[in-house]
């Protein structure tokens, strides 16, 4: 049996801690404590050490330096949670995914990137018709309405695509390396990849460049 010692936090004596079951969606990867009557932005929360935390979705606890990137809304949480869980299973069960990511200019594996808590994924309500977007100087990523409307598999594919850009895949010139990451992570068919003809039944599109 593995025993984990959680860190201790100090809260005001007058604070009333809400039961863990009444906390938010984000708790599925955080150990959280909330003070009754304190705003969400001011809540007291104890997290895992930064080095052990995965990449983060903006659910209201992050202010992106990019003005058009904002927090996701609750209707999107289930797709985001599913996509994150799928990513962790993907890197465990598909070695080709990490292998491909290591060929990109910055040389990081996808395993390394999804365990990097400095990477933030935001909601991009105004980025349509794009599925997703990255602000290269800051590394901030956004997922837009088009991806959510197409379903959780497209949300997953969009995150993989933007992570590839974060890892150095060019965003201009019709370069297809970011979208090829979607294929190498198992979300496209070999026929699409080699023939260059999109199959609408998969999230991968060989014609997407940049």
N, C-alpha and C. Protein backbone atom coordinates (compact mmCIF):
# COMPACT_ATOMS: atom_id res chain seq x y z
N UNK A 1 0.84 -1.20 0.00
CA UNK A 1 0.00 0.00 0.00
C UNK A 1 0.88 1.24 0.00
N UNK A 2 0.53 2.22 -0.83
CA UNK A 2 1.25 3.48 -0.90
C UNK A 2 0.55 4.50 -0.02
N UNK A 3 1.28 5.07 0.91
CA UNK A 3 0.72 6.09 1.80
C UNK A 3 1.24 7.44 1.36
N UNK A 4 0.33 8.38 1.14
CA UNK A 4 0.69 9.72 0.71
C UNK A 4 0.39 10.70 1.83
N UNK A 5 1.38 11.48 2.23
CA UNK A 5 1.20 12.49 3.25
C UNK A 5 0.88 13.82 2.58
N UNK A 6 -0.36 14.27 2.74
CA UNK A 6 -0.73 15.55 2.14
C UNK A 6 -0.21 16.69 2.99
N UNK A 7 0.19 17.79 2.36
CA UNK A 7 0.68 18.94 3.12
C UNK A 7 -0.42 19.59 3.93
N UNK A 8 -0.04 20.34 4.94
CA UNK A 8 -0.99 21.02 5.81
C UNK A 8 -1.12 22.48 5.41
N UNK A 9 -2.33 22.99 5.47
CA UNK A 9 -2.53 24.42 5.20
C UNK A 9 -3.11 25.09 6.42
N UNK A 10 -2.94 26.39 6.51
CA UNK A 10 -3.46 27.17 7.62
C UNK A 10 -4.54 28.10 7.10
N UNK A 11 -5.68 28.10 7.76
CA UNK A 11 -6.78 28.98 7.37
C UNK A 11 -7.22 29.77 8.58
N UNK A 12 -7.93 30.89 8.39
CA UNK A 12 -8.39 31.68 9.53
C UNK A 12 -9.26 30.85 10.46
N UNK A 13 -9.20 31.15 11.78
CA UNK A 13 -9.96 30.38 12.76
C UNK A 13 -11.46 30.47 12.51
N UNK A 14 -11.90 31.57 11.91
CA UNK A 14 -13.34 31.76 11.68
C UNK A 14 -13.82 31.10 10.39
N UNK A 15 -12.91 30.56 9.63
CA UNK A 15 -13.30 29.98 8.34
C UNK A 15 -14.04 28.68 8.53
N UNK A 16 -15.00 28.44 7.65
CA UNK A 16 -15.74 27.18 7.65
C UNK A 16 -15.37 26.42 6.39
N UNK A 17 -14.76 25.26 6.56
CA UNK A 17 -14.35 24.48 5.40
C UNK A 17 -15.54 23.70 4.87
N UNK A 18 -15.80 23.85 3.59
CA UNK A 18 -16.88 23.09 2.97
C UNK A 18 -16.45 21.65 2.79
N UNK A 19 -17.38 20.70 2.88
CA UNK A 19 -17.04 19.29 2.65
C UNK A 19 -16.43 19.12 1.27
N UNK A 20 -15.49 18.17 1.16
CA UNK A 20 -14.78 17.96 -0.10
C UNK A 20 -15.74 17.69 -1.24
N UNK A 21 -16.86 17.02 -0.95
CA UNK A 21 -17.81 16.68 -2.00
C UNK A 21 -18.50 17.87 -2.62
N UNK A 22 -18.38 19.05 -2.01
CA UNK A 22 -19.04 20.24 -2.54
C UNK A 22 -18.08 21.14 -3.29
N UNK A 23 -16.89 20.65 -3.56
CA UNK A 23 -15.93 21.45 -4.29
C UNK A 23 -16.16 21.33 -5.78
N UNK A 24 -15.25 21.88 -6.58
CA UNK A 24 -15.51 21.99 -8.00
C UNK A 24 -14.91 20.89 -8.84
N UNK A 25 -15.23 20.96 -10.14
CA UNK A 25 -14.71 19.97 -11.10
C UNK A 25 -13.20 19.85 -11.07
N UNK A 26 -12.53 20.96 -10.80
CA UNK A 26 -11.07 20.96 -10.87
C UNK A 26 -10.45 20.03 -9.83
N UNK A 27 -11.20 19.63 -8.81
CA UNK A 27 -10.66 18.80 -7.74
C UNK A 27 -10.26 17.41 -8.21
N UNK A 28 -10.65 17.03 -9.40
CA UNK A 28 -10.25 15.68 -9.82
C UNK A 28 -8.76 15.56 -9.99
N UNK A 29 -8.00 16.66 -10.01
CA UNK A 29 -6.56 16.50 -9.93
C UNK A 29 -5.94 17.41 -8.88
N UNK A 30 -6.76 17.97 -8.00
CA UNK A 30 -6.26 18.78 -6.91
C UNK A 30 -6.83 18.27 -5.59
N UNK A 31 -6.02 18.34 -4.53
CA UNK A 31 -6.57 18.19 -3.19
C UNK A 31 -7.01 19.59 -2.80
N UNK A 32 -8.30 19.80 -2.51
CA UNK A 32 -8.79 21.17 -2.37
C UNK A 32 -9.52 21.41 -1.06
N UNK A 33 -9.42 22.64 -0.61
CA UNK A 33 -10.13 23.10 0.58
C UNK A 33 -10.75 24.45 0.24
N UNK A 34 -12.02 24.62 0.54
CA UNK A 34 -12.69 25.87 0.19
C UNK A 34 -13.26 26.52 1.46
N UNK A 35 -13.14 27.83 1.54
CA UNK A 35 -13.66 28.56 2.68
C UNK A 35 -15.04 29.12 2.33
N UNK A 36 -16.01 28.80 3.14
CA UNK A 36 -17.36 29.27 2.90
C UNK A 36 -17.40 30.79 2.95
N UNK A 37 -18.07 31.40 1.97
CA UNK A 37 -18.23 32.83 1.96
C UNK A 37 -17.09 33.59 1.31
N UNK A 38 -16.04 32.90 0.88
CA UNK A 38 -14.91 33.55 0.22
C UNK A 38 -15.06 33.35 -1.27
N UNK A 39 -14.77 34.37 -2.07
CA UNK A 39 -14.94 34.28 -3.50
C UNK A 39 -14.05 33.19 -4.08
N UNK A 40 -14.45 32.70 -5.28
CA UNK A 40 -13.67 31.64 -5.92
C UNK A 40 -12.24 32.06 -6.12
N UNK A 41 -12.02 33.31 -6.52
CA UNK A 41 -10.66 33.78 -6.77
C UNK A 41 -9.82 33.80 -5.50
N UNK A 42 -10.48 33.88 -4.33
CA UNK A 42 -9.76 33.99 -3.07
C UNK A 42 -9.76 32.69 -2.28
N UNK A 43 -10.26 31.62 -2.88
CA UNK A 43 -10.40 30.37 -2.15
C UNK A 43 -9.05 29.86 -1.69
N UNK A 44 -9.08 29.12 -0.65
CA UNK A 44 -7.87 28.50 -0.14
C UNK A 44 -7.80 27.10 -0.71
N UNK A 45 -6.72 26.80 -1.40
CA UNK A 45 -6.60 25.48 -2.02
C UNK A 45 -5.18 25.00 -1.87
N UNK A 46 -5.04 23.75 -1.50
CA UNK A 46 -3.72 23.14 -1.42
C UNK A 46 -3.56 22.21 -2.61
N UNK A 47 -2.53 22.38 -3.37
CA UNK A 47 -2.33 21.56 -4.56
C UNK A 47 -1.13 20.66 -4.38
N UNK A 48 -1.02 19.73 -5.28
CA UNK A 48 0.18 18.93 -5.35
C UNK A 48 1.37 19.82 -5.68
N UNK A 49 2.59 19.40 -5.36
CA UNK A 49 3.76 20.19 -5.75
C UNK A 49 3.74 20.44 -7.25
N UNK A 50 4.22 21.61 -7.66
CA UNK A 50 4.19 21.98 -9.07
C UNK A 50 4.82 20.92 -9.97
N UNK A 51 5.89 20.29 -9.49
CA UNK A 51 6.59 19.31 -10.32
C UNK A 51 5.77 18.06 -10.56
N UNK A 52 4.68 17.87 -9.79
CA UNK A 52 3.86 16.67 -9.93
C UNK A 52 2.51 16.97 -10.58
N UNK A 53 2.27 18.20 -10.92
CA UNK A 53 0.98 18.58 -11.49
C UNK A 53 0.99 18.51 -13.00
N UNK A 54 -0.13 18.13 -13.60
CA UNK A 54 -0.21 18.11 -15.06
C UNK A 54 -0.48 19.51 -15.62
N UNK A 55 -0.50 19.59 -16.95
CA UNK A 55 -0.87 20.85 -17.58
C UNK A 55 -2.25 21.26 -17.07
N UNK A 56 -2.57 22.53 -17.22
CA UNK A 56 -3.76 23.04 -16.54
C UNK A 56 -4.77 23.65 -17.51
N UNK A 57 -6.05 23.38 -17.21
CA UNK A 57 -7.15 24.02 -17.90
C UNK A 57 -7.57 25.25 -17.10
N UNK A 58 -7.87 26.32 -17.80
CA UNK A 58 -8.32 27.54 -17.15
C UNK A 58 -9.80 27.42 -16.82
N UNK A 59 -10.09 27.21 -15.54
CA UNK A 59 -11.49 27.12 -15.11
C UNK A 59 -11.84 28.26 -14.17
N UNK A 60 -11.15 29.38 -14.37
CA UNK A 60 -11.44 30.57 -13.59
C UNK A 60 -10.36 30.94 -12.60
N UNK A 61 -9.29 30.13 -12.54
CA UNK A 61 -8.22 30.39 -11.58
C UNK A 61 -6.93 30.84 -12.28
N UNK A 62 -7.07 31.32 -13.51
CA UNK A 62 -5.91 31.77 -14.28
C UNK A 62 -6.32 32.98 -15.11
N UNK A 63 -5.49 33.98 -15.12
CA UNK A 63 -5.73 35.16 -15.94
C UNK A 63 -4.73 35.14 -17.09
N UNK A 64 -5.21 34.76 -18.26
CA UNK A 64 -4.31 34.66 -19.40
C UNK A 64 -3.81 36.04 -19.82
N UNK A 65 -2.53 36.14 -20.19
CA UNK A 65 -2.02 37.42 -20.69
C UNK A 65 -2.57 37.76 -22.08
N UNK A 66 -3.24 36.81 -22.70
CA UNK A 66 -3.84 37.04 -24.01
C UNK A 66 -5.30 37.44 -23.81
N UNK A 67 -5.64 38.65 -24.19
CA UNK A 67 -6.95 39.21 -23.83
C UNK A 67 -8.13 38.39 -24.32
N UNK A 68 -7.97 37.72 -25.45
CA UNK A 68 -9.12 36.99 -26.00
C UNK A 68 -9.23 35.56 -25.47
N UNK A 69 -8.30 35.15 -24.62
CA UNK A 69 -8.37 33.82 -24.00
C UNK A 69 -9.00 33.96 -22.61
N UNK A 70 -9.94 33.09 -22.31
CA UNK A 70 -10.64 33.20 -21.03
C UNK A 70 -10.84 31.81 -20.42
N UNK A 71 -11.65 31.73 -19.38
CA UNK A 71 -11.87 30.45 -18.71
C UNK A 71 -12.96 29.65 -19.40
N UNK A 72 -12.86 28.33 -19.29
CA UNK A 72 -13.90 27.45 -19.83
C UNK A 72 -15.15 27.57 -18.97
N UNK A 73 -16.28 27.23 -19.57
CA UNK A 73 -17.52 27.21 -18.79
C UNK A 73 -17.88 25.78 -18.42
N UNK A 74 -18.75 25.64 -17.47
CA UNK A 74 -19.04 24.32 -16.89
C UNK A 74 -19.57 23.32 -17.91
N UNK A 75 -20.22 23.79 -18.97
CA UNK A 75 -20.75 22.86 -19.98
C UNK A 75 -19.63 22.16 -20.76
N UNK A 76 -18.42 22.70 -20.67
CA UNK A 76 -17.29 22.14 -21.41
C UNK A 76 -16.43 21.20 -20.56
N UNK A 77 -16.67 21.18 -19.26
CA UNK A 77 -15.79 20.45 -18.35
C UNK A 77 -15.70 18.95 -18.66
N UNK A 78 -16.82 18.33 -19.00
CA UNK A 78 -16.79 16.87 -19.20
C UNK A 78 -15.90 16.49 -20.38
N UNK A 79 -15.94 17.27 -21.45
CA UNK A 79 -15.08 16.98 -22.61
C UNK A 79 -13.61 17.21 -22.27
N UNK A 80 -13.34 18.24 -21.47
CA UNK A 80 -11.97 18.52 -21.08
C UNK A 80 -11.41 17.42 -20.18
N UNK A 81 -12.20 17.00 -19.23
CA UNK A 81 -11.76 15.94 -18.32
C UNK A 81 -11.51 14.65 -19.10
N UNK A 82 -12.41 14.32 -20.00
CA UNK A 82 -12.24 13.12 -20.81
C UNK A 82 -10.96 13.22 -21.65
N UNK A 83 -10.72 14.38 -22.26
CA UNK A 83 -9.54 14.56 -23.10
C UNK A 83 -8.26 14.42 -22.30
N UNK A 84 -8.24 14.98 -21.10
CA UNK A 84 -7.03 14.87 -20.28
C UNK A 84 -6.77 13.40 -19.89
N UNK A 85 -7.82 12.72 -19.46
CA UNK A 85 -7.65 11.31 -19.10
C UNK A 85 -7.16 10.49 -20.29
N UNK A 86 -7.71 10.80 -21.46
CA UNK A 86 -7.33 10.08 -22.68
C UNK A 86 -5.87 10.34 -23.02
N UNK A 87 -5.41 11.57 -22.83
CA UNK A 87 -4.01 11.90 -23.11
C UNK A 87 -3.06 11.06 -22.26
N UNK A 88 -3.36 10.91 -20.99
CA UNK A 88 -2.48 10.15 -20.12
C UNK A 88 -2.48 8.67 -20.48
N UNK A 89 -3.63 8.14 -20.90
CA UNK A 89 -3.67 6.75 -21.37
C UNK A 89 -2.93 6.61 -22.69
N UNK A 90 -3.04 7.62 -23.53
CA UNK A 90 -2.43 7.60 -24.86
C UNK A 90 -0.91 7.47 -24.77
N UNK A 91 -0.28 8.29 -23.94
CA UNK A 91 1.18 8.26 -23.87
C UNK A 91 1.67 6.97 -23.22
N UNK A 92 0.81 6.35 -22.44
CA UNK A 92 1.18 5.08 -21.81
C UNK A 92 1.07 3.91 -22.78
N UNK A 93 0.06 3.95 -23.64
CA UNK A 93 -0.24 2.81 -24.51
C UNK A 93 0.20 2.95 -25.95
N UNK A 94 0.62 4.15 -26.35
CA UNK A 94 1.02 4.38 -27.74
C UNK A 94 2.42 5.00 -27.77
N UNK A 95 3.48 4.20 -27.78
CA UNK A 95 4.86 4.72 -27.77
C UNK A 95 5.16 5.64 -28.94
N UNK A 96 4.47 5.44 -30.07
CA UNK A 96 4.71 6.26 -31.25
C UNK A 96 4.37 7.72 -31.02
N UNK A 97 3.48 7.99 -30.08
CA UNK A 97 3.07 9.36 -29.79
C UNK A 97 4.25 10.14 -29.20
N UNK A 98 4.87 9.59 -28.15
CA UNK A 98 6.04 10.24 -27.56
C UNK A 98 7.21 10.30 -28.54
N UNK A 99 7.37 9.22 -29.28
CA UNK A 99 8.48 9.17 -30.25
C UNK A 99 8.36 10.29 -31.27
N UNK A 100 7.15 10.52 -31.75
CA UNK A 100 6.96 11.59 -32.74
C UNK A 100 7.22 12.95 -32.11
N UNK A 101 6.69 13.18 -30.94
CA UNK A 101 6.88 14.49 -30.29
C UNK A 101 8.36 14.80 -30.10
N UNK A 102 9.17 13.77 -29.86
CA UNK A 102 10.61 14.01 -29.67
C UNK A 102 11.30 14.45 -30.96
N UNK A 103 10.65 14.24 -32.11
CA UNK A 103 11.25 14.67 -33.38
C UNK A 103 10.99 16.14 -33.67
N UNK A 104 10.11 16.77 -32.92
CA UNK A 104 9.78 18.17 -33.14
C UNK A 104 10.92 19.08 -32.64
N UNK A 105 10.98 20.31 -33.11
CA UNK A 105 12.15 21.17 -32.85
C UNK A 105 12.60 21.29 -31.40
N UNK A 106 11.66 21.31 -30.45
CA UNK A 106 12.08 21.45 -29.05
C UNK A 106 12.39 20.11 -28.38
N UNK A 107 12.05 19.01 -29.06
CA UNK A 107 12.47 17.68 -28.62
C UNK A 107 11.82 17.12 -27.37
N UNK A 108 10.73 17.68 -26.92
CA UNK A 108 10.07 17.18 -25.71
C UNK A 108 9.12 16.04 -26.05
N UNK A 109 8.98 15.08 -25.16
CA UNK A 109 7.97 14.04 -25.35
C UNK A 109 6.62 14.59 -24.93
N UNK A 110 5.55 13.98 -25.40
CA UNK A 110 4.23 14.41 -24.98
C UNK A 110 4.04 14.12 -23.50
N UNK A 111 4.61 13.02 -23.02
CA UNK A 111 4.53 12.70 -21.58
C UNK A 111 5.07 13.84 -20.75
N UNK A 112 6.21 14.37 -21.17
CA UNK A 112 6.83 15.48 -20.45
C UNK A 112 5.92 16.70 -20.48
N UNK A 113 5.33 16.97 -21.61
CA UNK A 113 4.52 18.18 -21.75
C UNK A 113 3.22 18.13 -20.96
N UNK A 114 2.56 16.97 -20.94
CA UNK A 114 1.29 16.91 -20.22
C UNK A 114 1.50 16.88 -18.71
N UNK A 115 2.75 16.71 -18.30
CA UNK A 115 3.08 16.79 -16.88
C UNK A 115 3.74 18.11 -16.52
N UNK A 116 3.59 19.10 -17.38
CA UNK A 116 4.18 20.41 -17.17
C UNK A 116 3.09 21.39 -16.74
N UNK A 117 3.07 21.73 -15.47
CA UNK A 117 2.01 22.58 -14.94
C UNK A 117 2.11 24.04 -15.38
N UNK A 118 3.18 24.40 -16.07
CA UNK A 118 3.30 25.78 -16.57
C UNK A 118 2.53 25.98 -17.87
N UNK A 119 2.04 24.89 -18.47
CA UNK A 119 1.28 24.99 -19.71
C UNK A 119 -0.20 25.15 -19.39
N UNK A 120 -0.77 26.25 -19.88
CA UNK A 120 -2.18 26.54 -19.65
C UNK A 120 -2.97 26.43 -20.95
N UNK A 121 -4.12 25.77 -20.84
CA UNK A 121 -5.05 25.65 -21.96
C UNK A 121 -6.30 26.44 -21.58
N UNK A 122 -6.65 27.40 -22.42
CA UNK A 122 -7.76 28.30 -22.16
C UNK A 122 -8.90 28.09 -23.15
N UNK A 123 -9.98 28.79 -22.91
CA UNK A 123 -11.11 28.82 -23.84
C UNK A 123 -10.92 30.02 -24.77
N UNK A 124 -11.08 29.78 -26.07
CA UNK A 124 -10.96 30.86 -27.05
C UNK A 124 -12.29 31.11 -27.74
N UNK A 125 -13.19 31.87 -27.13
CA UNK A 125 -14.54 32.05 -27.70
C UNK A 125 -14.58 32.80 -29.02
N UNK A 126 -13.49 33.47 -29.39
CA UNK A 126 -13.52 34.28 -30.61
C UNK A 126 -12.55 33.79 -31.68
N UNK A 127 -12.02 32.57 -31.53
CA UNK A 127 -10.99 32.13 -32.47
C UNK A 127 -11.54 31.37 -33.67
N UNK A 128 -12.83 31.12 -33.72
CA UNK A 128 -13.42 30.44 -34.88
C UNK A 128 -13.10 31.24 -36.14
N UNK A 129 -12.88 30.56 -37.28
CA UNK A 129 -13.17 29.14 -37.53
C UNK A 129 -12.07 28.16 -37.10
N UNK A 130 -11.06 28.63 -36.39
CA UNK A 130 -10.02 27.72 -35.92
C UNK A 130 -10.56 26.79 -34.83
N UNK A 131 -10.02 25.58 -34.78
CA UNK A 131 -10.34 24.67 -33.68
C UNK A 131 -9.59 25.08 -32.43
N UNK A 132 -8.34 25.50 -32.62
CA UNK A 132 -7.49 25.88 -31.50
C UNK A 132 -6.46 26.89 -31.95
N UNK A 133 -5.70 27.38 -30.99
CA UNK A 133 -4.73 28.42 -31.30
C UNK A 133 -3.67 28.44 -30.21
N UNK A 134 -2.46 28.89 -30.56
CA UNK A 134 -1.41 29.09 -29.57
C UNK A 134 -0.80 30.47 -29.76
N UNK A 135 -0.54 31.13 -28.65
CA UNK A 135 0.21 32.38 -28.67
C UNK A 135 1.66 31.98 -28.37
N UNK A 136 2.47 31.93 -29.40
CA UNK A 136 3.81 31.36 -29.27
C UNK A 136 4.68 32.04 -28.22
N UNK A 137 4.74 33.38 -28.16
CA UNK A 137 5.63 33.99 -27.16
C UNK A 137 5.33 33.58 -25.72
N UNK A 138 4.05 33.44 -25.39
CA UNK A 138 3.68 33.10 -24.02
C UNK A 138 3.47 31.61 -23.81
N UNK A 139 3.22 30.88 -24.91
CA UNK A 139 2.92 29.46 -24.79
C UNK A 139 1.47 29.18 -24.40
N UNK A 140 0.66 30.22 -24.29
CA UNK A 140 -0.75 30.03 -23.92
C UNK A 140 -1.51 29.40 -25.09
N UNK A 141 -2.33 28.40 -24.76
CA UNK A 141 -3.11 27.65 -25.76
C UNK A 141 -4.59 27.95 -25.55
N UNK A 142 -5.34 27.94 -26.64
CA UNK A 142 -6.80 28.11 -26.56
C UNK A 142 -7.49 27.05 -27.40
N UNK A 143 -8.62 26.58 -26.91
CA UNK A 143 -9.49 25.67 -27.65
C UNK A 143 -10.79 26.42 -27.90
N UNK A 144 -11.28 26.38 -29.14
CA UNK A 144 -12.45 27.17 -29.51
C UNK A 144 -13.74 26.37 -29.64
N UNK A 145 -14.81 27.09 -29.94
CA UNK A 145 -16.14 26.49 -30.03
C UNK A 145 -16.23 25.42 -31.12
N UNK A 146 -15.50 25.61 -32.20
CA UNK A 146 -15.61 24.65 -33.30
C UNK A 146 -15.19 23.26 -32.85
N UNK A 147 -14.13 23.18 -32.06
CA UNK A 147 -13.69 21.88 -31.56
C UNK A 147 -14.74 21.27 -30.64
N UNK A 148 -15.30 22.08 -29.75
CA UNK A 148 -16.31 21.55 -28.82
C UNK A 148 -17.56 21.08 -29.55
N UNK A 149 -17.96 21.81 -30.59
CA UNK A 149 -19.15 21.42 -31.34
C UNK A 149 -18.95 20.10 -32.08
N UNK A 150 -17.69 19.80 -32.42
CA UNK A 150 -17.39 18.55 -33.14
C UNK A 150 -17.18 17.38 -32.20
N UNK A 151 -17.15 17.63 -30.90
CA UNK A 151 -17.10 16.55 -29.94
C UNK A 151 -15.77 16.37 -29.24
N UNK A 152 -15.76 15.47 -28.28
CA UNK A 152 -14.60 15.30 -27.40
C UNK A 152 -13.36 14.82 -28.13
N UNK A 153 -13.52 14.02 -29.19
CA UNK A 153 -12.35 13.56 -29.94
C UNK A 153 -11.66 14.73 -30.64
N UNK A 154 -12.44 15.69 -31.10
CA UNK A 154 -11.83 16.86 -31.74
C UNK A 154 -11.19 17.77 -30.70
N UNK A 155 -11.76 17.85 -29.52
CA UNK A 155 -11.12 18.59 -28.43
C UNK A 155 -9.76 17.97 -28.13
N UNK A 156 -9.72 16.66 -28.04
CA UNK A 156 -8.46 15.95 -27.80
C UNK A 156 -7.46 16.22 -28.91
N UNK A 157 -7.90 16.08 -30.17
CA UNK A 157 -7.01 16.31 -31.31
C UNK A 157 -6.48 17.74 -31.33
N UNK A 158 -7.33 18.68 -30.96
CA UNK A 158 -6.92 20.08 -30.95
C UNK A 158 -5.84 20.32 -29.90
N UNK A 159 -6.00 19.73 -28.74
CA UNK A 159 -4.99 19.88 -27.69
C UNK A 159 -3.66 19.28 -28.14
N UNK A 160 -3.70 18.11 -28.76
CA UNK A 160 -2.47 17.48 -29.26
C UNK A 160 -1.81 18.37 -30.31
N UNK A 161 -2.59 18.89 -31.24
CA UNK A 161 -2.09 19.76 -32.30
C UNK A 161 -1.39 20.99 -31.70
N UNK A 162 -2.04 21.63 -30.73
CA UNK A 162 -1.46 22.84 -30.14
C UNK A 162 -0.24 22.52 -29.27
N UNK A 163 -0.23 21.36 -28.64
CA UNK A 163 0.96 20.94 -27.89
C UNK A 163 2.14 20.74 -28.83
N UNK A 164 1.86 20.27 -30.03
CA UNK A 164 2.93 20.11 -31.02
C UNK A 164 3.51 21.47 -31.39
N UNK A 165 2.66 22.48 -31.54
CA UNK A 165 3.15 23.84 -31.78
C UNK A 165 3.98 24.32 -30.59
N UNK A 166 3.52 24.03 -29.39
CA UNK A 166 4.25 24.41 -28.18
C UNK A 166 5.64 23.77 -28.18
N UNK A 167 5.72 22.60 -28.81
CA UNK A 167 6.98 21.85 -28.89
C UNK A 167 7.81 22.26 -30.11
N UNK A 168 7.40 23.33 -30.80
CA UNK A 168 8.21 23.87 -31.88
C UNK A 168 7.72 23.64 -33.29
N UNK A 169 6.64 22.89 -33.47
CA UNK A 169 6.11 22.70 -34.83
C UNK A 169 5.68 24.07 -35.37
N UNK A 170 6.14 24.44 -36.58
CA UNK A 170 5.84 25.77 -37.13
C UNK A 170 4.35 26.03 -37.26
N UNK A 171 3.97 27.30 -37.07
CA UNK A 171 2.56 27.68 -37.17
C UNK A 171 2.24 28.33 -38.52
N UNK A 172 3.24 28.51 -39.36
CA UNK A 172 3.03 29.18 -40.65
C UNK A 172 3.61 28.35 -41.79
N UNK A 173 3.34 28.81 -43.01
CA UNK A 173 3.94 28.20 -44.19
C UNK A 173 3.34 26.89 -44.61
N UNK A 174 2.16 26.56 -44.06
CA UNK A 174 1.53 25.30 -44.45
C UNK A 174 2.22 24.07 -43.90
N UNK A 175 3.10 24.24 -42.91
CA UNK A 175 3.80 23.11 -42.31
C UNK A 175 2.79 22.19 -41.61
N UNK A 176 2.87 20.89 -41.88
CA UNK A 176 1.87 19.95 -41.38
C UNK A 176 2.31 19.18 -40.14
N UNK A 177 3.45 19.54 -39.56
CA UNK A 177 3.97 18.72 -38.45
C UNK A 177 3.08 18.72 -37.22
N UNK A 178 2.41 19.82 -36.93
CA UNK A 178 1.53 19.83 -35.76
C UNK A 178 0.35 18.87 -35.97
N UNK A 179 -0.23 18.89 -37.16
CA UNK A 179 -1.36 17.99 -37.42
C UNK A 179 -0.89 16.54 -37.53
N UNK A 180 0.33 16.33 -37.99
CA UNK A 180 0.85 14.96 -38.05
C UNK A 180 0.96 14.35 -36.66
N UNK A 181 1.12 15.19 -35.64
CA UNK A 181 1.15 14.68 -34.27
C UNK A 181 -0.17 13.99 -33.93
N UNK A 182 -1.27 14.53 -34.46
CA UNK A 182 -2.59 13.93 -34.23
C UNK A 182 -2.62 12.52 -34.81
N UNK A 183 -2.06 12.35 -36.00
CA UNK A 183 -2.00 11.02 -36.61
C UNK A 183 -1.13 10.08 -35.80
N UNK A 184 0.06 10.52 -35.45
CA UNK A 184 1.00 9.64 -34.74
C UNK A 184 0.53 9.29 -33.33
N UNK A 185 -0.42 10.04 -32.82
CA UNK A 185 -1.01 9.71 -31.53
C UNK A 185 -2.27 8.86 -31.68
N UNK A 186 -2.51 8.36 -32.88
CA UNK A 186 -3.55 7.36 -33.09
C UNK A 186 -4.92 7.88 -33.46
N UNK A 187 -5.03 9.14 -33.90
CA UNK A 187 -6.34 9.70 -34.19
C UNK A 187 -6.61 9.88 -35.68
N UNK A 188 -5.90 9.14 -36.49
CA UNK A 188 -6.12 9.18 -37.93
C UNK A 188 -5.82 7.83 -38.55
N UNK A 189 -6.14 7.67 -39.81
CA UNK A 189 -5.89 6.40 -40.49
C UNK A 189 -4.64 6.49 -41.37
N UNK A 190 -4.03 5.34 -41.59
CA UNK A 190 -2.84 5.28 -42.45
C UNK A 190 -3.19 5.72 -43.87
N UNK A 191 -4.39 5.37 -44.31
CA UNK A 191 -4.81 5.76 -45.67
C UNK A 191 -4.83 7.28 -45.81
N UNK A 192 -5.38 7.97 -44.81
CA UNK A 192 -5.38 9.44 -44.83
C UNK A 192 -3.95 9.97 -44.89
N UNK A 193 -3.11 9.42 -44.04
CA UNK A 193 -1.75 9.93 -43.88
C UNK A 193 -0.96 9.79 -45.18
N UNK A 194 -1.07 8.63 -45.80
CA UNK A 194 -0.25 8.37 -46.99
C UNK A 194 -0.90 8.87 -48.28
N UNK A 195 -2.24 8.88 -48.34
CA UNK A 195 -2.91 9.35 -49.56
C UNK A 195 -3.20 10.86 -49.52
N UNK A 196 -3.19 11.44 -48.34
CA UNK A 196 -3.45 12.88 -48.22
C UNK A 196 -4.90 13.26 -48.43
N UNK A 197 -5.81 12.30 -48.28
CA UNK A 197 -7.24 12.56 -48.46
C UNK A 197 -7.93 12.42 -47.10
N UNK A 198 -8.60 13.46 -46.66
CA UNK A 198 -9.23 13.47 -45.34
C UNK A 198 -10.37 12.48 -45.23
N UNK A 199 -10.42 11.77 -44.12
CA UNK A 199 -11.54 10.91 -43.78
C UNK A 199 -12.31 11.63 -42.66
N UNK A 200 -13.51 12.11 -42.95
CA UNK A 200 -14.27 12.89 -41.96
C UNK A 200 -14.60 12.13 -40.68
N UNK A 201 -14.44 10.83 -40.69
CA UNK A 201 -14.77 10.05 -39.50
C UNK A 201 -13.66 10.07 -38.45
N UNK A 202 -12.51 10.67 -38.78
CA UNK A 202 -11.41 10.77 -37.81
C UNK A 202 -11.11 12.25 -37.55
N UNK A 203 -10.53 12.56 -36.38
CA UNK A 203 -10.19 13.96 -36.10
C UNK A 203 -9.01 14.48 -36.93
N UNK A 204 -8.16 13.58 -37.39
CA UNK A 204 -6.99 13.97 -38.16
C UNK A 204 -7.38 14.46 -39.56
N UNK A 205 -6.72 15.52 -40.01
CA UNK A 205 -6.95 16.04 -41.36
C UNK A 205 -5.60 16.31 -42.00
N UNK A 206 -5.19 15.49 -42.96
CA UNK A 206 -3.86 15.66 -43.57
C UNK A 206 -3.68 16.97 -44.32
N UNK A 207 -4.76 17.69 -44.55
CA UNK A 207 -4.67 18.95 -45.29
C UNK A 207 -4.47 20.17 -44.40
N UNK A 208 -4.44 19.96 -43.09
CA UNK A 208 -4.28 21.07 -42.17
C UNK A 208 -2.78 21.40 -42.03
N UNK A 209 -2.44 22.62 -42.35
CA UNK A 209 -1.07 23.08 -42.20
C UNK A 209 -1.01 24.26 -41.25
N UNK A 210 0.04 24.32 -40.48
CA UNK A 210 0.17 25.40 -39.50
C UNK A 210 -0.72 25.18 -38.31
